[in-house]
């Protein structure tokens, strides 16, 4: 597939994206940017959330995961569903009750300003790193397909792509994201289904043949109960999935800002449950595609790429595959990438403006708009810088890198909310940042010790270890302090109501 075809596909998609952004952002203000005026229909949000949870990393990395890990990822996705139910019935009502713009406002009411700012900063670090890793994968593929053949450096690739995303998210914020995520969900689902169809057709398979070929292939193994020491062990993956979903969706401003755009908590709950269940089948489709990609490589006598992230792109652009598959690959990739990066920029802008700067409390609407736009630009520059650094340092597959980073950075956030919701004891607020910094350090030491002395391979349960250290540290900071009475706890919550 020539660079010209890729460029035409990107330009056409971006033109459609800008049109939707313009339509959605008409008459927008700061409330539109931060909360979508809480007028989004839950069905639209549910469909948009399918795309919101699927980044360019999922599109590229998940099909390649089958090479070494089979369908083990689905064990984690089953845990995601349980996590979504917990978010829907525990976190969503709490956030709506407090009428929060940023979910980290809960921490201020429960603990104090130091804890509030600590949670906001950990989210900021988590999102800037995670979003950059996700978007790095897309930039790397575009570099291979477009920019390298034209002898254009990677840095220029990143600058242009980030600039396009900054442009379409500048005005509409959350409201724009919901409608562009709807487009993304449609493009992703159609791309993966049509890619499966065309590749199976190239292999000479009908529907029955495709089912037999996939089910009999060694890579289609889903459940791993045999070795608790391995990272693919079922209960490690499942339990990590439950808490990873809670941490990276329920306690993530990026994901929750869409859910908080619904009219009330009951509509938001419907959205969470439906999107969580449908996500399982969408991820399963990506893994089925991965097996077909492996079969194609084996049948053609091709060498498996050094990085499994390159498998989908290598097959989609192969000369024996119809050009339409390459176009669908690029379409799905940029749909995932633009929306995920735009979402990250919006949530980073919201959290930095509201949580860290507190601009919504200090400035009138005109000044707040100017501050928000400046922060939005700063976040774009920061994300571009991290992508370029990761390009020169990364070796592992991107999906593993994303969840490893999340285990370290979301662990303290998860610990703060768990302690705050299930223990009424106040803590020494000024020492909370120390606990949240020590927890990831101790988690790394624990991971190293388990691997070195026991041979235990720590997987994504590292998130739970991290959160446990945070909860233990908070408990130590509460020693000698009497539990808050229910009335006092409710009074604290009112301090952040109507933010």
Protein backbone atom coordinates (compact mmCIF):
# COMPACT_ATOMS: atom_id res chain seq x y z
CA UNK A 1 0.00 0.00 0.00
CA UNK A 2 1.46 3.35 -1.07
CA UNK A 3 1.92 6.36 1.22
CA UNK A 4 -0.53 8.27 -1.00
CA UNK A 5 -3.39 5.90 -0.13
CA UNK A 6 -2.59 6.19 3.59
CA UNK A 7 -2.52 9.99 3.40
CA UNK A 8 -5.84 10.12 1.52
CA UNK A 9 -7.43 7.84 4.13
CA UNK A 10 -6.14 10.01 7.00
CA UNK A 11 -7.25 13.27 5.35
CA UNK A 12 -10.73 11.90 4.60
CA UNK A 13 -11.20 10.63 8.17
CA UNK A 14 -9.88 13.84 9.70
CA UNK A 15 -12.23 15.94 7.54
CA UNK A 16 -15.16 13.90 8.85
CA UNK A 17 -13.82 14.22 12.40
CA UNK A 18 -13.57 18.00 12.10
CA UNK A 19 -17.11 18.21 10.75
CA UNK A 20 -18.48 16.22 13.71
CA UNK A 21 -16.37 18.30 16.10
CA UNK A 22 -17.73 21.53 14.60
CA UNK A 23 -21.32 20.32 14.84
CA UNK A 24 -20.91 19.13 18.44
CA UNK A 25 -19.06 22.22 19.69
CA UNK A 26 -21.48 24.88 18.40
CA UNK A 27 -22.50 27.11 21.28
CA UNK A 28 -20.05 25.40 23.62
CA UNK A 29 -18.72 26.93 26.82
CA UNK A 30 -16.60 25.77 29.76
CA UNK A 31 -19.42 23.59 31.10
CA UNK A 32 -19.64 21.92 27.68
CA UNK A 33 -15.89 21.27 27.69
CA UNK A 34 -15.75 19.86 31.24
CA UNK A 35 -19.07 17.95 31.61
CA UNK A 36 -20.94 18.13 28.27
CA UNK A 37 -23.66 20.05 30.19
CA UNK A 38 -24.75 16.61 31.52
CA UNK A 39 -27.13 16.15 28.59
CA UNK A 40 -25.63 13.15 26.75
CA UNK A 41 -28.07 10.25 26.01
CA UNK A 42 -26.87 7.09 27.82
CA UNK A 43 -27.19 4.88 24.70
CA UNK A 44 -24.90 7.18 22.71
CA UNK A 45 -22.40 7.29 25.60
CA UNK A 46 -22.50 3.46 25.88
CA UNK A 47 -21.70 3.01 22.19
CA UNK A 48 -19.04 5.73 22.39
CA UNK A 49 -17.47 4.02 25.44
CA UNK A 50 -16.79 0.89 23.38
CA UNK A 51 -14.45 2.95 21.25
CA UNK A 52 -13.16 4.94 24.22
CA UNK A 53 -11.75 1.81 25.85
CA UNK A 54 -10.05 0.71 22.61
CA UNK A 55 -6.94 2.69 21.81
CA UNK A 56 -4.44 2.37 19.01
CA UNK A 57 -2.55 0.02 21.34
CA UNK A 58 -5.53 -2.36 21.43
CA UNK A 59 -5.90 -2.20 17.67
CA UNK A 60 -2.21 -2.92 17.06
CA UNK A 61 -1.03 -4.88 20.08
CA UNK A 62 -3.94 -7.18 21.00
CA UNK A 63 -3.93 -9.19 17.72
CA UNK A 64 -0.17 -9.68 18.15
CA UNK A 65 -0.58 -10.88 21.77
CA UNK A 66 -1.83 -14.25 20.55
CA UNK A 67 1.70 -15.12 19.40
CA UNK A 68 3.02 -15.62 22.93
CA UNK A 69 -0.02 -15.47 25.22
CA UNK A 70 -2.93 -16.91 23.27
CA UNK A 71 -6.29 -15.54 24.38
CA UNK A 72 -5.15 -15.06 28.00
CA UNK A 73 -6.13 -11.39 27.75
CA UNK A 74 -9.82 -12.40 27.72
CA UNK A 75 -9.38 -13.66 31.29
CA UNK A 76 -8.56 -10.09 32.22
CA UNK A 77 -11.45 -8.72 30.15
CA UNK A 78 -13.85 -10.98 32.11
CA UNK A 79 -12.54 -9.23 35.21
CA UNK A 80 -13.19 -5.89 33.49
CA UNK A 81 -16.92 -6.73 33.35
CA UNK A 82 -17.07 -7.33 37.11
CA UNK A 83 -15.13 -4.09 37.61
CA UNK A 84 -17.63 -2.16 35.49
CA UNK A 85 -20.49 -3.40 37.68
CA UNK A 86 -18.59 -2.19 40.75
CA UNK A 87 -18.05 1.22 39.11
CA UNK A 88 -21.72 1.46 38.12
CA UNK A 89 -23.16 0.69 41.54
CA UNK A 90 -20.51 2.07 43.90
CA UNK A 91 -18.59 4.93 42.28
CA UNK A 92 -21.10 6.43 39.83
CA UNK A 93 -23.79 7.25 42.47
CA UNK A 94 -21.12 8.74 44.75
CA UNK A 95 -19.72 11.02 42.02
CA UNK A 96 -23.19 12.18 40.92
CA UNK A 97 -24.24 12.83 44.51
CA UNK A 98 -21.30 15.22 44.90
CA UNK A 99 -21.90 16.83 41.48
CA UNK A 100 -18.18 16.71 40.68
CA UNK A 101 -16.46 18.16 37.63
CA UNK A 102 -13.31 16.18 38.43
CA UNK A 103 -13.69 12.92 40.33
CA UNK A 104 -10.61 13.75 42.43
CA UNK A 105 -12.65 16.40 44.19
CA UNK A 106 -13.87 13.51 46.37
CA UNK A 107 -10.39 13.23 47.89
CA UNK A 108 -10.45 16.86 49.07
CA UNK A 109 -13.68 16.36 50.95
CA UNK A 110 -12.60 13.07 52.49
CA UNK A 111 -8.94 13.78 53.34
CA UNK A 112 -7.85 17.33 52.57
CA UNK A 113 -6.02 19.42 49.99
CA UNK A 114 -2.70 17.55 50.04
CA UNK A 115 -4.41 14.23 49.30
CA UNK A 116 -6.59 15.89 46.66
CA UNK A 117 -3.55 17.31 44.85
CA UNK A 118 -1.67 14.00 45.24
CA UNK A 119 -4.49 12.10 43.52
CA UNK A 120 -4.65 14.71 40.74
CA UNK A 121 -0.89 14.58 40.16
CA UNK A 122 -0.85 10.78 40.05
CA UNK A 123 -3.65 10.89 37.49
CA UNK A 124 -1.72 13.47 35.50
CA UNK A 125 1.42 11.30 35.45
CA UNK A 126 -0.61 8.14 34.73
CA UNK A 127 -2.50 9.66 31.84
CA UNK A 128 0.37 11.53 30.20
CA UNK A 129 2.49 8.34 30.21
CA UNK A 130 -0.30 5.91 29.33
CA UNK A 131 -1.79 8.06 26.58
CA UNK A 132 1.64 8.74 25.12
CA UNK A 133 2.49 5.03 24.98
CA UNK A 134 -0.83 4.32 23.29
CA UNK A 135 -0.36 7.05 20.75
CA UNK A 136 3.28 6.16 20.19
CA UNK A 137 2.17 2.88 18.60
CA UNK A 138 0.11 4.76 16.03
CA UNK A 139 2.85 7.23 15.23
CA UNK A 140 5.30 4.34 14.78
CA UNK A 141 2.99 2.63 12.27
CA UNK A 142 2.37 5.88 10.37
CA UNK A 143 6.13 6.40 10.31
CA UNK A 144 6.57 2.98 8.71
CA UNK A 145 3.77 3.40 6.16
CA UNK A 146 3.99 7.09 5.27
CA UNK A 147 6.78 9.19 6.71
CA UNK A 148 9.81 6.88 6.33
CA UNK A 149 9.16 6.24 2.59
CA UNK A 150 9.01 10.04 2.19
CA UNK A 151 12.21 10.45 4.28
CA UNK A 152 10.41 12.51 6.94
CA UNK A 153 11.73 12.18 10.53
CA UNK A 154 9.65 10.69 13.35
CA UNK A 155 9.62 13.97 15.27
CA UNK A 156 7.78 15.74 12.44
CA UNK A 157 5.28 12.87 12.31
CA UNK A 158 4.49 13.36 16.03
CA UNK A 159 4.21 17.16 15.79
CA UNK A 160 1.77 17.04 12.86
CA UNK A 161 -0.41 14.32 14.38
CA UNK A 162 -0.60 15.93 17.83
CA UNK A 163 -1.39 19.29 16.21
CA UNK A 164 -4.37 17.77 14.37
CA UNK A 165 -5.72 16.27 17.60
CA UNK A 166 -5.23 19.53 19.50
CA UNK A 167 -7.20 21.32 16.78
CA UNK A 168 -10.32 19.16 16.85
CA UNK A 169 -10.58 18.98 20.68
CA UNK A 170 -9.90 22.69 21.30
CA UNK A 171 -13.50 23.86 21.65
CA UNK A 172 -15.99 21.09 22.37
CA UNK A 173 -14.24 19.01 25.02
CA UNK A 174 -16.32 16.14 26.44
CA UNK A 175 -19.33 16.76 24.22
CA UNK A 176 -17.13 16.54 21.12
CA UNK A 177 -15.44 13.40 22.45
CA UNK A 178 -18.70 11.53 22.92
CA UNK A 179 -19.73 12.06 19.29
CA UNK A 180 -16.27 11.45 17.83
CA UNK A 181 -16.01 8.30 19.98
CA UNK A 182 -19.28 7.14 18.42
CA UNK A 183 -17.68 7.47 14.99
CA UNK A 184 -14.58 5.71 16.32
CA UNK A 185 -16.61 2.77 17.70
CA UNK A 186 -18.32 2.27 14.34
CA UNK A 187 -15.03 2.45 12.40
CA UNK A 188 -13.22 0.07 14.77
CA UNK A 189 -15.91 -2.58 14.83
CA UNK A 190 -16.38 -2.49 11.05
CA UNK A 191 -12.61 -2.52 10.46
CA UNK A 192 -11.92 -5.62 12.54
CA UNK A 193 -14.94 -7.53 11.15
CA UNK A 194 -14.09 -6.71 7.52
CA UNK A 195 -10.39 -7.49 8.06
CA UNK A 196 -11.36 -10.93 9.40
CA UNK A 197 -13.59 -11.47 6.37
CA UNK A 198 -11.04 -10.43 3.73
CA UNK A 199 -8.10 -12.31 5.29
CA UNK A 200 -10.19 -15.46 5.69
CA UNK A 201 -11.27 -15.10 2.07
CA UNK A 202 -7.65 -14.78 0.98
CA UNK A 203 -6.87 -18.00 2.84
CA UNK A 204 -9.73 -19.72 1.00
CA UNK A 205 -11.86 -20.11 4.15
CA UNK A 206 -15.62 -19.95 4.38
CA UNK A 207 -17.34 -19.29 7.71
CA UNK A 208 -17.16 -22.93 8.88
CA UNK A 209 -13.54 -23.28 7.76
CA UNK A 210 -12.59 -20.07 9.59
CA UNK A 211 -14.17 -21.30 12.83
CA UNK A 212 -12.40 -24.68 12.57
CA UNK A 213 -9.02 -23.13 11.69
CA UNK A 214 -9.14 -20.67 14.60
CA UNK A 215 -10.46 -23.14 17.20
CA UNK A 216 -7.85 -25.78 16.32
CA UNK A 217 -4.91 -23.36 16.31
CA UNK A 218 -2.64 -23.45 19.41
CA UNK A 219 -2.95 -19.67 19.83
CA UNK A 220 -6.70 -19.87 20.58
CA UNK A 221 -6.24 -21.14 24.14
CA UNK A 222 -8.16 -18.86 26.51
CA UNK A 223 -7.96 -20.27 30.05
CA UNK A 224 -4.71 -20.87 31.95
CA UNK A 225 -5.21 -22.67 35.28
CA UNK A 226 -2.09 -24.85 35.32
CA UNK A 227 0.75 -22.66 36.67
CA UNK A 228 0.13 -19.97 39.33
CA UNK A 229 3.72 -18.77 38.92
CA UNK A 230 3.12 -17.51 35.36
CA UNK A 231 1.69 -14.12 34.44
CA UNK A 232 -1.09 -15.74 32.35
CA UNK A 233 -2.60 -17.69 35.31
CA UNK A 234 -6.40 -17.23 35.30
CA UNK A 235 -6.98 -15.87 38.80
CA UNK A 236 -4.09 -13.40 38.49
CA UNK A 237 -5.49 -12.08 35.23
CA UNK A 238 -9.14 -12.08 36.35
CA UNK A 239 -8.61 -10.33 39.70
CA UNK A 240 -6.19 -7.87 38.13
CA UNK A 241 -8.86 -7.17 35.48
CA UNK A 242 -11.47 -6.35 38.13
CA UNK A 243 -9.29 -3.80 39.89
CA UNK A 244 -7.61 -2.55 36.72
CA UNK A 245 -11.07 -1.66 35.36
CA UNK A 246 -11.95 0.14 38.58
CA UNK A 247 -8.64 2.04 38.63
CA UNK A 248 -8.26 2.89 34.95
CA UNK A 249 -11.96 3.55 34.26
CA UNK A 250 -13.81 4.32 37.47
CA UNK A 251 -10.96 6.32 39.02
CA UNK A 252 -9.74 7.87 35.77
CA UNK A 253 -10.96 11.34 34.85
CA UNK A 254 -10.51 10.49 31.16
CA UNK A 255 -13.06 7.65 31.25
CA UNK A 256 -15.41 9.00 33.91
CA UNK A 257 -15.87 12.41 32.28
CA UNK A 258 -18.01 10.69 29.61
CA UNK A 259 -20.09 8.83 32.19
CA UNK A 260 -20.60 12.03 34.18
CA UNK A 261 -22.00 13.66 31.02
CA UNK A 262 -25.20 11.56 31.33
CA UNK A 263 -28.31 13.20 32.80
CA UNK A 264 -28.28 11.21 36.06
CA UNK A 265 -26.53 8.31 37.76
CA UNK A 266 -29.07 5.70 36.60
CA UNK A 267 -28.43 6.49 32.93
CA UNK A 268 -24.71 6.41 33.62
CA UNK A 269 -25.08 2.96 35.21
CA UNK A 270 -26.83 1.60 32.10
CA UNK A 271 -24.01 2.98 29.98
CA UNK A 272 -21.31 1.34 32.12
CA UNK A 273 -22.91 -2.13 32.17
CA UNK A 274 -23.76 -2.27 28.45
CA UNK A 275 -20.39 -0.96 27.28
CA UNK A 276 -18.53 -3.34 29.64
CA UNK A 277 -20.27 -6.44 28.29
CA UNK A 278 -19.95 -5.43 24.64
CA UNK A 279 -16.25 -4.70 25.15
CA UNK A 280 -15.64 -8.43 25.79
CA UNK A 281 -16.92 -9.38 22.34
CA UNK A 282 -15.00 -6.59 20.61
CA UNK A 283 -11.71 -7.67 22.26
CA UNK A 284 -12.49 -11.29 21.36
CA UNK A 285 -12.83 -10.22 17.70
CA UNK A 286 -9.34 -8.67 17.82
CA UNK A 287 -7.90 -11.91 19.20
CA UNK A 288 -9.67 -14.00 16.55
CA UNK A 289 -8.13 -11.71 13.97
CA UNK A 290 -4.73 -12.31 15.60
CA UNK A 291 -5.03 -16.06 15.07
CA UNK A 292 -5.95 -15.53 11.41
CA UNK A 293 -2.90 -13.29 11.02
CA UNK A 294 -0.68 -16.04 12.42
CA UNK A 295 -2.24 -18.62 10.07
CA UNK A 296 -1.65 -16.28 7.12
CA UNK A 297 2.04 -15.81 8.06
CA UNK A 298 2.53 -19.56 8.49
CA UNK A 299 0.76 -20.47 5.24
CA UNK A 300 2.79 -17.92 3.25
CA UNK A 301 6.07 -19.01 4.83
CA UNK A 302 6.75 -15.52 6.17
CA UNK A 303 8.99 -14.72 9.12
CA UNK A 304 7.21 -13.59 12.27
CA UNK A 305 8.07 -9.92 13.00
CA UNK A 306 10.51 -9.20 15.86
CA UNK A 307 7.85 -7.17 17.69
CA UNK A 308 4.40 -8.76 17.82
CA UNK A 309 2.90 -5.24 17.58
CA UNK A 310 4.00 -5.25 13.93
CA UNK A 311 2.05 -8.41 12.96
CA UNK A 312 -1.27 -6.78 12.00
CA UNK A 313 0.35 -4.02 9.95
CA UNK A 314 2.68 -6.46 8.18
CA UNK A 315 -0.19 -8.68 7.01
CA UNK A 316 -2.62 -5.83 6.24
CA UNK A 317 -0.13 -4.23 3.85
CA UNK A 318 1.14 -7.50 2.30
CA UNK A 319 1.02 -7.67 -1.50
CA UNK A 320 -1.23 -10.78 -1.45
CA UNK A 321 -3.87 -8.98 0.61
CA UNK A 322 -6.45 -6.70 -1.10
CA UNK A 323 -5.74 -2.98 -0.74
CA UNK A 324 -9.06 -2.54 1.07
CA UNK A 325 -7.63 -4.43 4.07
CA UNK A 326 -4.76 -1.95 4.30
CA UNK A 327 -7.22 0.96 4.09
CA UNK A 328 -9.38 -0.61 6.83
CA UNK A 329 -6.27 -1.13 8.94
CA UNK A 330 -5.27 2.54 8.62
CA UNK A 331 -8.87 3.68 9.18
CA UNK A 332 -9.25 1.63 12.36
CA UNK A 333 -5.83 2.70 13.58
CA UNK A 334 -6.34 6.43 13.18
CA UNK A 335 -9.92 6.20 14.50
CA UNK A 336 -8.57 4.60 17.67
CA UNK A 337 -5.60 6.91 17.91
CA UNK A 338 -7.20 10.30 17.29
CA UNK A 339 -10.07 9.67 19.66
CA UNK A 340 -7.92 8.21 22.48
CA UNK A 341 -5.35 10.99 22.28
CA UNK A 342 -8.07 13.65 22.05
CA UNK A 343 -9.78 12.15 25.07
CA UNK A 344 -6.52 12.14 27.03
CA UNK A 345 -5.84 15.78 26.16
CA UNK A 346 -9.34 16.79 27.28
CA UNK A 347 -9.12 14.94 30.61
CA UNK A 348 -5.59 16.21 31.28
CA UNK A 349 -6.75 19.73 30.56
CA UNK A 350 -9.76 19.31 32.86
CA UNK A 351 -7.80 17.80 35.73
CA UNK A 352 -4.89 20.25 35.53
CA UNK A 353 -7.19 23.28 35.25
CA UNK A 354 -9.65 22.19 37.96
CA UNK A 355 -7.62 20.03 40.36
CA UNK A 356 -4.10 21.44 40.22
CA UNK A 357 -4.64 25.11 39.29
CA UNK A 358 -8.09 25.47 40.85
CA UNK A 359 -8.85 27.99 38.10
CA UNK A 360 -12.61 27.34 38.18
CA UNK A 361 -12.72 28.78 41.72
CA UNK A 362 -10.50 31.81 41.10
CA UNK A 363 -11.37 33.05 37.61
CA UNK A 364 -14.42 34.34 35.78
CA UNK A 365 -15.62 32.49 32.69
CA UNK A 366 -13.56 34.56 30.22
CA UNK A 367 -10.29 34.07 32.11
CA UNK A 368 -11.10 30.39 32.71
CA UNK A 369 -11.51 29.88 28.96
CA UNK A 370 -8.10 31.46 28.32
CA UNK A 371 -6.47 29.33 31.03
CA UNK A 372 -8.11 26.16 29.74
CA UNK A 373 -6.86 26.75 26.20
CA UNK A 374 -3.32 27.46 27.40
CA UNK A 375 -3.30 24.29 29.50
CA UNK A 376 -4.68 22.34 26.52
CA UNK A 377 -1.73 23.51 24.43
CA UNK A 378 0.76 22.64 27.20
CA UNK A 379 -0.67 19.11 27.50
CA UNK A 380 -0.29 18.63 23.75
CA UNK A 381 3.39 19.62 23.86
CA UNK A 382 4.05 17.37 26.88
CA UNK A 383 2.42 14.37 25.21
CA UNK A 384 4.44 14.86 22.05
CA UNK A 385 7.69 14.99 24.05
CA UNK A 386 6.90 11.76 25.92
CA UNK A 387 6.02 9.95 22.66
CA UNK A 388 9.38 10.87 21.13
CA UNK A 389 11.28 9.69 24.24
CA UNK A 390 9.35 6.39 24.30
CA UNK A 391 10.11 5.84 20.61
CA UNK A 392 13.83 5.68 21.33
CA UNK A 393 13.60 3.68 24.59
CA UNK A 394 10.81 1.10 24.14
CA UNK A 395 11.37 -2.59 23.50
CA UNK A 396 8.34 -4.45 24.96
CA UNK A 397 4.90 -4.80 23.39
CA UNK A 398 2.82 -1.70 23.99
CA UNK A 399 -0.19 -3.30 25.70
CA UNK A 400 2.10 -4.71 28.41
CA UNK A 401 3.84 -1.35 28.77
CA UNK A 402 0.49 0.41 29.26
CA UNK A 403 -0.69 -1.93 32.02
CA UNK A 404 2.70 -2.02 33.72
CA UNK A 405 2.72 1.79 33.91
CA UNK A 406 -0.89 1.71 35.13
CA UNK A 407 0.01 -0.74 37.89
CA UNK A 408 2.56 1.70 39.30
CA UNK A 409 0.71 4.98 38.84
CA UNK A 410 -2.94 3.99 39.42
CA UNK A 411 -2.13 1.88 42.51
CA UNK A 412 -1.96 4.88 44.88
CA UNK A 413 -5.17 6.35 43.39
CA UNK A 414 -6.97 3.03 43.92
CA UNK A 415 -5.62 2.84 47.48
CA UNK A 416 -6.77 6.37 48.31
CA UNK A 417 -10.34 5.73 47.16
CA UNK A 418 -10.56 2.28 48.79
CA UNK A 419 -9.39 3.63 52.14
CA UNK A 420 -11.59 6.73 51.89
CA UNK A 421 -14.74 4.76 51.08
CA UNK A 422 -14.34 1.89 53.55
CA UNK A 423 -12.53 3.43 56.53
CA UNK A 424 -13.80 6.51 58.35
CA UNK A 425 -10.57 7.29 60.18
CA UNK A 426 -9.01 10.65 59.19
CA UNK A 427 -5.33 10.65 58.24
CA UNK A 428 -2.47 13.11 58.49
CA UNK A 429 -3.17 14.84 55.20
CA UNK A 430 0.26 16.45 54.78
CA UNK A 431 2.00 13.02 54.87
CA UNK A 432 -0.22 11.34 52.27
CA UNK A 433 2.07 12.33 49.35
CA UNK A 434 4.94 10.46 51.08
CA UNK A 435 2.82 7.29 51.31
CA UNK A 436 1.76 7.53 47.66
CA UNK A 437 5.38 7.88 46.52
CA UNK A 438 6.67 5.06 48.73
CA UNK A 439 3.95 2.60 47.64
CA UNK A 440 5.18 2.24 44.01
CA UNK A 441 8.80 2.00 45.23
CA UNK A 442 7.92 -0.81 47.65
CA UNK A 443 5.88 -2.49 44.91
CA UNK A 444 8.90 -2.52 42.61
CA UNK A 445 11.07 -4.00 45.39
CA UNK A 446 8.41 -6.65 46.04
CA UNK A 447 8.20 -7.52 42.35
CA UNK A 448 11.98 -7.84 42.13
CA UNK A 449 12.23 -9.94 45.31
CA UNK A 450 9.47 -12.36 44.24
CA UNK A 451 11.12 -12.88 40.87
CA UNK A 452 14.67 -13.18 42.23
CA UNK A 453 14.11 -15.39 45.27
CA UNK A 454 10.93 -17.34 44.48
CA UNK A 455 10.76 -17.31 40.68
CA UNK A 456 7.26 -15.81 40.81
CA UNK A 457 6.32 -13.75 37.74
CA UNK A 458 4.32 -10.72 38.87
CA UNK A 459 1.73 -9.71 36.31
CA UNK A 460 -0.89 -6.99 36.48
CA UNK A 461 -1.65 -7.93 40.12
CA UNK A 462 1.15 -5.45 40.80
CA UNK A 463 -1.68 -2.89 40.86
CA UNK A 464 -3.19 -4.65 43.89
CA UNK A 465 0.15 -4.81 45.69
CA UNK A 466 0.63 -1.10 45.08
CA UNK A 467 -2.86 -0.25 46.33
CA UNK A 468 -2.37 -2.47 49.41
CA UNK A 469 0.82 -0.62 50.34
CA UNK A 470 -1.06 2.67 49.97
CA UNK A 471 -3.94 1.52 52.20
CA UNK A 472 -1.47 0.21 54.81
CA UNK A 473 0.39 3.52 54.79
CA UNK A 474 -2.84 5.49 55.20
CA UNK A 475 -3.84 3.25 58.10
CA UNK A 476 -0.53 4.03 59.82
CA UNK A 477 -1.19 7.74 59.33
CA UNK A 478 -4.57 7.30 61.03
CA UNK A 479 -3.29 5.59 64.21
CA UNK A 480 -4.61 7.36 67.29
CA UNK A 481 -7.32 9.23 65.38
CA UNK A 482 -10.99 8.58 66.08
CA UNK A 483 -13.24 7.53 63.17
CA UNK A 484 -15.35 10.25 61.59
CA UNK A 485 -19.04 10.02 62.52
CA UNK A 486 -21.32 9.53 59.52
CA UNK A 487 -22.69 13.06 59.83
CA UNK A 488 -19.19 14.57 59.83
CA UNK A 489 -18.20 12.51 56.82
CA UNK A 490 -21.28 13.74 54.96
CA UNK A 491 -20.50 17.33 55.95
CA UNK A 492 -17.00 16.95 54.52
CA UNK A 493 -18.46 15.69 51.26
CA UNK A 494 -20.64 18.81 50.99
CA UNK A 495 -17.53 20.96 50.86
CA UNK A 496 -16.85 19.79 47.32
CA UNK A 497 -20.45 19.64 46.16
CA UNK A 498 -21.42 21.92 43.26
CA UNK A 499 -17.79 22.32 42.18
